[in-house]
Amino acid sequence: MLQGKAEVSHAVARTVLVLIAWSLGAWLSPAGAACDLSEPETGTVAAVLDGETLQLSDGRIVRLIGAKAPSPPLGWRGEDPWPLVDEAKEALTQLASGAEVELKFGERRTDRYGHALAQVFVVSGATRLWLQEALVARGLARVYSFPDNRACVSDLLARESQARAKRLGVWGSSAYRIESAEDVERLGRLTHSYQLVEGTVAAVGEGGGRLYLNFAKDWRSDFTISVERKDLSAFTAAGIDLKGLAGSHVRVRGWVEWRNGPMIEASHPEQIEVLPSAPAPEETKPEPQPPRSLAPSLSEFCYRGVPPPGARARRPPNKGEVWESVDPPRAPSLPLMGRAARPKAE
């Protein structure tokens, strides 16, 4: 009897959320239908493991590729719940628990643990509810793309922009605010976390097979976007002239790392948005720039599921192999204004 009541409760809650999703336009739209995806595989959701991970009745684990649910920074040890983590899981539970779903794939289909990396659609008669779009539209996920899994990202970015304009979910919380490229001190504290950073490119430099978008005169300590030369053609094909971005206002998303100042590695064009013009910075002539550290990025470690050197896998209780995040190596403490003095990598 209790199980029956619980199932009815879930069904009622799902109906309410489905109506909300419909009002937000999350039912499979021409844009969602036009994504370059595979033929669907089907399954039934047995459990919701977190705000972006499902377990199917046949045992498969499915990650909602392209949508990053709210989560605390890697290595965070606070006692209070991190903002919106529970809300995102509850919303996904109400939308998907017990539901029939279709899995559609873009490029890479699985991670190193064999977990499916899919766009997921809840089947309801002849209609389909796109879970990633529903969560992003409600501000309960941010767009999170990979160079080998870019399908549907442009559609999700459009939904994210609408949610941000309405300050829904994460966009109304300071924990997920868009950071300023000028605030190097704060960005230094946010290393090993996924962030959106916005600012005006001061100069573009090259060195060691990389292109650097520098956001201040002193590239030895400023915030920087780093792009490998082999990836430049993908940006050009998307209409982004990286070498011509000096003076442009841009937004970048990715994992903040420390390489002679805070840095985000950009490997594909969906990571960078060129925004309406901002006041142009004072013209500067970039000096020759040697490469920064070429160690693998933290985003690659997290996506591939391989702990970086000195790290250990961190798996919360009862989640077994589902958890793929890792504790990063502890960085040495830095004085608040001491980053500029850190020696430059040769």
Protein backbone atom coordinates (compact mmCIF):
# COMPACT_ATOMS: atom_id res chain seq x y z
CA MET A 1 0.00 0.00 0.00
CA LEU A 2 2.76 2.42 0.93
CA GLN A 3 4.62 1.62 -2.29
CA GLY A 4 1.44 2.26 -4.27
CA LYS A 5 0.96 5.65 -2.61
CA ALA A 6 4.57 6.57 -3.34
CA GLU A 7 4.15 5.67 -7.00
CA VAL A 8 0.98 7.78 -7.22
CA SER A 9 2.78 10.67 -5.51
CA HIS A 10 5.64 10.46 -8.02
CA ALA A 11 3.20 10.32 -10.90
CA VAL A 12 1.37 13.43 -9.70
CA ALA A 13 4.63 15.30 -9.10
CA ARG A 14 5.91 14.29 -12.54
CA THR A 15 2.71 15.56 -14.14
CA VAL A 16 3.19 18.94 -12.46
CA LEU A 17 6.83 19.17 -13.54
CA VAL A 18 5.96 18.03 -17.04
CA LEU A 19 3.48 20.90 -17.28
CA ILE A 20 6.20 23.28 -16.09
CA ALA A 21 8.64 21.84 -18.61
CA TRP A 22 6.02 22.25 -21.33
CA SER A 23 5.61 25.92 -20.37
CA LEU A 24 9.40 26.33 -20.62
CA GLY A 25 9.46 24.71 -24.04
CA ALA A 26 11.41 21.62 -23.00
CA TRP A 27 9.28 19.22 -25.03
CA LEU A 28 11.25 18.02 -27.98
CA SER A 29 11.38 21.07 -30.23
CA PRO A 30 12.53 21.35 -33.86
CA ALA A 31 15.92 22.41 -32.45
CA GLY A 32 16.16 19.35 -30.20
CA ALA A 33 14.94 17.08 -32.95
CA ALA A 34 17.52 18.50 -35.35
CA CYS A 35 20.51 17.56 -33.16
CA ASP A 36 22.83 15.16 -34.93
CA LEU A 37 22.14 12.15 -32.73
CA SER A 38 22.03 8.38 -33.11
CA GLU A 39 18.95 6.21 -33.32
CA PRO A 40 17.48 5.81 -29.82
CA GLU A 41 18.12 3.08 -27.32
CA THR A 42 15.36 2.53 -24.76
CA GLY A 43 15.24 1.80 -21.06
CA THR A 44 13.41 2.38 -17.78
CA VAL A 45 14.78 4.61 -15.03
CA ALA A 46 15.23 2.64 -11.82
CA ALA A 47 16.99 5.33 -9.75
CA VAL A 48 18.27 8.88 -9.89
CA LEU A 49 21.80 8.97 -8.47
CA ASP A 50 22.37 12.72 -8.59
CA GLY A 51 21.29 15.76 -10.57
CA GLU A 52 22.86 14.46 -13.79
CA THR A 53 23.07 10.67 -13.43
CA LEU A 54 20.46 7.93 -13.88
CA GLN A 55 20.49 4.19 -13.29
CA LEU A 56 18.32 2.09 -15.59
CA SER A 57 16.50 -1.10 -14.70
CA ASP A 58 18.97 -3.12 -16.81
CA GLY A 59 21.84 -1.82 -14.66
CA ARG A 60 23.21 0.77 -17.06
CA ILE A 61 24.42 4.06 -15.60
CA VAL A 62 23.61 7.09 -17.76
CA ARG A 63 25.18 10.54 -17.46
CA LEU A 64 23.20 13.43 -18.91
CA ILE A 65 25.94 14.67 -21.21
CA GLY A 66 26.00 18.41 -21.83
CA ALA A 67 24.28 19.42 -18.58
CA LYS A 68 26.33 19.94 -15.42
CA ALA A 69 24.18 19.79 -12.30
CA PRO A 70 25.00 21.98 -9.28
CA SER A 71 27.85 20.51 -7.28
CA PRO A 72 30.38 21.70 -4.70
CA PRO A 73 33.96 22.41 -5.77
CA LEU A 74 36.24 19.39 -5.95
CA GLY A 75 37.76 18.72 -2.56
CA TRP A 76 35.12 20.79 -0.70
CA ARG A 77 34.66 19.59 2.88
CA GLY A 78 31.93 21.90 4.19
CA GLU A 79 29.17 20.56 6.43
CA ASP A 80 26.24 22.57 5.03
CA PRO A 81 24.54 21.42 1.80
CA TRP A 82 25.95 23.12 -1.29
CA PRO A 83 23.33 25.38 -2.94
CA LEU A 84 20.83 23.68 -5.28
CA VAL A 85 22.48 20.25 -5.27
CA ASP A 86 19.48 18.60 -3.62
CA GLU A 87 16.99 20.65 -5.66
CA ALA A 88 18.52 19.48 -8.94
CA LYS A 89 18.43 15.82 -7.89
CA GLU A 90 14.83 16.16 -6.73
CA ALA A 91 13.76 17.79 -9.99
CA LEU A 92 15.40 15.02 -12.03
CA THR A 93 13.78 12.42 -9.75
CA GLN A 94 10.33 13.89 -10.32
CA LEU A 95 10.84 14.06 -14.07
CA ALA A 96 12.48 10.71 -14.67
CA SER A 97 12.04 8.24 -11.81
CA GLY A 98 10.30 5.13 -13.12
CA ALA A 99 9.91 6.65 -16.58
CA GLU A 100 10.50 5.08 -19.96
CA VAL A 101 13.38 6.90 -21.65
CA GLU A 102 15.20 7.05 -24.95
CA LEU A 103 18.98 7.45 -25.07
CA LYS A 104 20.47 9.21 -28.07
CA PHE A 105 24.19 9.64 -28.62
CA GLY A 106 26.35 12.25 -30.28
CA GLU A 107 29.99 11.25 -30.60
CA ARG A 108 31.62 9.47 -27.67
CA ARG A 109 29.12 7.02 -26.16
CA THR A 110 30.71 5.92 -22.88
CA ASP A 111 33.23 7.04 -20.29
CA ARG A 112 36.06 4.86 -19.00
CA TYR A 113 33.72 3.14 -16.53
CA GLY A 114 31.29 2.16 -19.27
CA HIS A 115 28.67 4.71 -18.20
CA ALA A 116 26.55 5.92 -21.10
CA LEU A 117 26.99 9.57 -22.19
CA ALA A 118 23.61 10.32 -23.72
CA GLN A 119 20.99 12.91 -24.47
CA VAL A 120 17.99 11.53 -22.57
CA PHE A 121 14.32 11.87 -23.51
CA VAL A 122 11.37 10.85 -21.32
CA VAL A 123 8.79 9.04 -23.44
CA SER A 124 5.15 10.00 -22.90
CA GLY A 125 2.99 8.61 -25.66
CA ALA A 126 3.96 10.34 -28.88
CA THR A 127 5.86 13.13 -27.10
CA ARG A 128 9.39 13.33 -25.77
CA LEU A 129 10.70 15.43 -22.87
CA TRP A 130 14.37 16.30 -23.29
CA LEU A 131 15.80 16.06 -19.77
CA GLN A 132 18.93 18.13 -20.38
CA GLU A 133 16.89 20.97 -21.84
CA ALA A 134 14.32 20.79 -19.03
CA LEU A 135 17.01 21.09 -16.35
CA VAL A 136 18.96 23.85 -18.12
CA ALA A 137 15.76 25.79 -18.80
CA ARG A 138 14.94 25.77 -15.07
CA GLY A 139 18.43 26.86 -14.07
CA LEU A 140 19.18 23.49 -12.47
CA ALA A 141 22.11 22.72 -14.76
CA ARG A 142 24.78 24.65 -16.64
CA VAL A 143 25.90 23.74 -20.13
CA TYR A 144 29.04 21.59 -20.02
CA SER A 145 30.56 20.40 -23.29
CA PHE A 146 33.50 18.31 -24.44
CA PRO A 147 35.48 18.33 -27.69
CA ASP A 148 34.25 14.83 -28.52
CA ASN A 149 30.64 15.38 -27.40
CA ARG A 150 29.32 18.64 -28.85
CA ALA A 151 25.91 17.57 -30.19
CA CYS A 152 22.99 19.78 -29.07
CA VAL A 153 25.24 22.19 -27.14
CA SER A 154 24.16 25.27 -29.12
CA ASP A 155 20.51 24.51 -28.32
CA LEU A 156 21.30 24.10 -24.63
CA LEU A 157 23.26 27.37 -24.60
CA ALA A 158 20.17 29.18 -25.90
CA ARG A 159 18.09 27.71 -23.05
CA GLU A 160 20.76 28.61 -20.53
CA SER A 161 20.76 32.21 -21.71
CA GLN A 162 17.00 32.44 -21.14
CA ALA A 163 17.26 30.95 -17.65
CA ARG A 164 20.11 33.31 -16.78
CA ALA A 165 18.10 36.33 -17.92
CA LYS A 166 15.31 35.26 -15.54
CA ARG A 167 17.79 34.48 -12.71
CA LEU A 168 16.39 30.97 -12.36
CA GLY A 169 18.07 28.36 -10.19
CA VAL A 170 21.86 28.62 -10.23
CA TRP A 171 21.65 32.03 -11.92
CA GLY A 172 20.09 33.50 -8.80
CA SER A 173 22.82 32.10 -6.54
CA SER A 174 26.17 33.77 -5.89
CA ALA A 175 27.76 30.29 -5.72
CA TYR A 176 27.40 29.99 -9.50
CA ARG A 177 27.76 33.61 -10.60
CA ILE A 178 29.68 34.56 -13.72
CA GLU A 179 33.12 35.57 -12.52
CA SER A 180 35.07 38.63 -13.64
CA ALA A 181 38.33 38.04 -15.48
CA GLU A 182 39.71 41.09 -13.67
CA ASP A 183 39.29 39.52 -10.23
CA VAL A 184 42.44 37.40 -10.35
CA GLU A 185 42.49 37.16 -6.56
CA ARG A 186 39.07 35.49 -6.44
CA LEU A 187 39.76 33.27 -9.45
CA GLY A 188 42.91 32.07 -7.70
CA ARG A 189 40.68 30.75 -4.91
CA LEU A 190 38.41 29.00 -7.42
CA THR A 191 41.02 26.70 -8.97
CA HIS A 192 39.80 23.13 -9.54
CA SER A 193 36.21 24.33 -10.07
CA TYR A 194 34.00 24.70 -13.15
CA GLN A 195 33.29 28.38 -13.81
CA LEU A 196 32.01 30.87 -16.33
CA VAL A 197 34.40 33.83 -16.59
CA GLU A 198 33.78 37.06 -18.49
CA GLY A 199 36.01 39.98 -19.47
CA THR A 200 37.73 41.98 -22.19
CA VAL A 201 40.71 40.47 -23.99
CA ALA A 202 43.70 42.78 -23.55
CA ALA A 203 46.05 41.02 -25.97
CA VAL A 204 46.57 37.80 -27.88
CA GLY A 205 49.90 35.99 -27.59
CA GLU A 206 51.40 32.82 -29.02
CA GLY A 207 54.07 30.43 -27.82
CA GLY A 208 54.89 26.76 -27.56
CA GLY A 209 52.17 25.65 -29.95
CA ARG A 210 49.46 27.55 -28.11
CA LEU A 211 47.43 30.71 -28.45
CA TYR A 212 46.83 32.78 -25.31
CA LEU A 213 44.00 35.25 -24.77
CA ASN A 214 45.33 37.52 -22.02
CA PHE A 215 42.98 39.69 -19.97
CA ALA A 216 45.54 42.18 -18.58
CA LYS A 217 48.83 43.77 -19.57
CA ASP A 218 50.89 41.44 -17.39
CA TRP A 219 50.26 37.98 -18.86
CA ARG A 220 52.49 36.48 -16.18
CA SER A 221 49.76 36.84 -13.56
CA ASP A 222 46.48 37.66 -15.34
CA PHE A 223 43.54 35.43 -16.18
CA THR A 224 44.18 33.65 -19.48
CA ILE A 225 42.40 31.42 -21.97
CA SER A 226 44.75 28.87 -23.51
CA VAL A 227 44.04 27.17 -26.86
CA GLU A 228 46.23 24.55 -28.51
CA ARG A 229 47.20 25.43 -32.08
CA LYS A 230 45.69 22.19 -33.38
CA ASP A 231 42.26 23.32 -32.15
CA LEU A 232 42.29 26.74 -33.88
CA SER A 233 40.60 25.43 -37.04
CA ALA A 234 37.50 24.38 -35.07
CA PHE A 235 37.10 27.93 -33.76
CA THR A 236 37.63 29.40 -37.22
CA ALA A 237 35.01 27.04 -38.67
CA ALA A 238 32.58 28.27 -36.00
CA GLY A 239 33.23 31.90 -36.97
CA ILE A 240 35.46 32.77 -34.00
CA ASP A 241 38.71 34.49 -35.02
CA LEU A 242 40.74 33.97 -31.87
CA LYS A 243 43.72 35.96 -33.12
CA GLY A 244 41.46 38.96 -33.70
CA LEU A 245 39.79 39.00 -30.28
CA ALA A 246 41.96 41.71 -28.68
CA GLY A 247 39.54 44.34 -27.37
CA SER A 248 36.56 41.96 -27.55
CA HIS A 249 34.34 41.12 -24.60
CA VAL A 250 34.10 37.35 -24.19
CA ARG A 251 32.75 34.71 -21.85
CA VAL A 252 34.51 31.37 -21.38
CA ARG A 253 33.43 28.26 -19.49
CA GLY A 254 35.62 25.51 -18.15
CA TRP A 255 37.78 24.34 -15.26
CA VAL A 256 39.90 27.04 -13.62
CA GLU A 257 43.49 25.93 -13.19
CA TRP A 258 46.64 27.68 -12.00
CA ARG A 259 49.38 28.18 -14.59
CA ASN A 260 51.20 31.46 -13.90
CA GLY A 261 47.81 32.87 -12.92
CA PRO A 262 44.30 31.50 -13.29
CA MET A 263 43.65 29.85 -16.66
CA ILE A 264 40.90 28.01 -18.52
CA GLU A 265 41.82 25.62 -21.31
CA ALA A 266 39.50 25.98 -24.33
CA SER A 267 39.49 23.05 -26.75
CA HIS A 268 36.30 23.68 -28.75
CA PRO A 269 34.28 26.74 -29.80
CA GLU A 270 31.24 26.14 -27.58
CA GLN A 271 33.40 27.15 -24.62
CA ILE A 272 33.81 30.74 -25.81
CA GLU A 273 31.06 33.27 -26.45
CA VAL A 274 31.87 36.63 -28.04
CA LEU A 275 29.64 39.18 -26.31
CA PRO A 276 28.47 42.67 -27.31
CA SER A 277 31.32 45.14 -27.40
CA ALA A 278 32.74 46.52 -24.19
CA PRO A 279 35.02 49.60 -23.92
CA ALA A 280 38.28 48.74 -25.69
CA PRO A 281 41.35 48.43 -23.44
CA GLU A 282 44.44 50.54 -23.95
CA GLU A 283 46.28 49.22 -26.98
CA THR A 284 49.24 47.06 -26.06
CA LYS A 285 51.79 45.20 -28.11
CA PRO A 286 52.03 41.61 -26.87
CA GLU A 287 55.53 40.40 -26.10
CA PRO A 288 56.69 36.91 -27.13
CA GLN A 289 55.17 34.40 -24.75
CA PRO A 290 56.64 31.02 -23.82
CA PRO A 291 54.25 28.15 -23.12
CA ARG A 292 52.71 27.68 -19.72
CA SER A 293 52.66 24.27 -18.10
CA LEU A 294 51.44 21.63 -20.54
CA ALA A 295 50.17 19.25 -17.87
CA PRO A 296 46.81 17.63 -18.69
CA SER A 297 43.87 19.81 -17.70
CA LEU A 298 41.69 18.97 -14.71
CA SER A 299 38.63 18.87 -16.99
CA GLU A 300 40.27 16.03 -18.94
CA PHE A 301 40.99 14.13 -15.74
CA CYS A 302 37.39 14.48 -14.57
CA TYR A 303 35.87 13.53 -17.91
CA ARG A 304 38.14 10.58 -18.52
CA GLY A 305 37.81 9.48 -14.90
CA VAL A 306 41.59 9.35 -14.40
CA PRO A 307 42.86 10.89 -11.14
CA PRO A 308 45.60 13.47 -11.60
CA PRO A 309 49.01 12.75 -10.06
CA GLY A 310 48.82 12.63 -6.29
CA ALA A 311 45.02 12.40 -6.25
CA ARG A 312 42.80 9.62 -5.04
CA ALA A 313 39.33 8.67 -6.18
CA ARG A 314 36.61 10.11 -3.96
CA ARG A 315 33.42 8.07 -3.84
CA PRO A 316 30.67 9.08 -1.39
CA PRO A 317 28.90 6.28 0.51
CA ASN A 318 26.43 4.15 -1.42
CA LYS A 319 27.48 5.45 -4.83
CA GLY A 320 30.09 2.84 -5.68
CA GLU A 321 31.65 3.34 -9.08
CA VAL A 322 29.13 5.99 -10.15
CA TRP A 323 31.20 8.86 -8.75
CA GLU A 324 34.05 9.93 -11.05
CA SER A 325 35.26 13.15 -9.47
CA VAL A 326 38.64 13.23 -7.84
CA ASP A 327 40.31 15.14 -5.07
CA PRO A 328 42.92 17.41 -6.66
CA PRO A 329 46.42 17.58 -5.20
CA ARG A 330 46.68 20.22 -2.54
CA ALA A 331 48.16 23.43 -3.92
CA PRO A 332 50.55 25.42 -1.76
CA SER A 333 48.98 28.33 0.06
CA LEU A 334 49.45 31.61 -1.75
CA PRO A 335 49.34 35.12 -0.30
CA LEU A 336 46.36 37.05 -1.66
CA MET A 337 48.46 39.31 -3.85
CA GLY A 338 51.43 37.01 -4.33
CA ARG A 339 50.51 35.43 -7.67
CA ALA A 340 52.30 37.98 -9.83
CA ALA A 341 55.56 37.04 -8.16
CA ARG A 342 55.24 33.34 -9.01
CA PRO A 343 58.04 32.42 -11.45
CA LYS A 344 57.10 32.02 -15.10
CA ALA A 345 57.27 28.56 -16.65
CA GLU A 346 60.05 28.37 -19.16
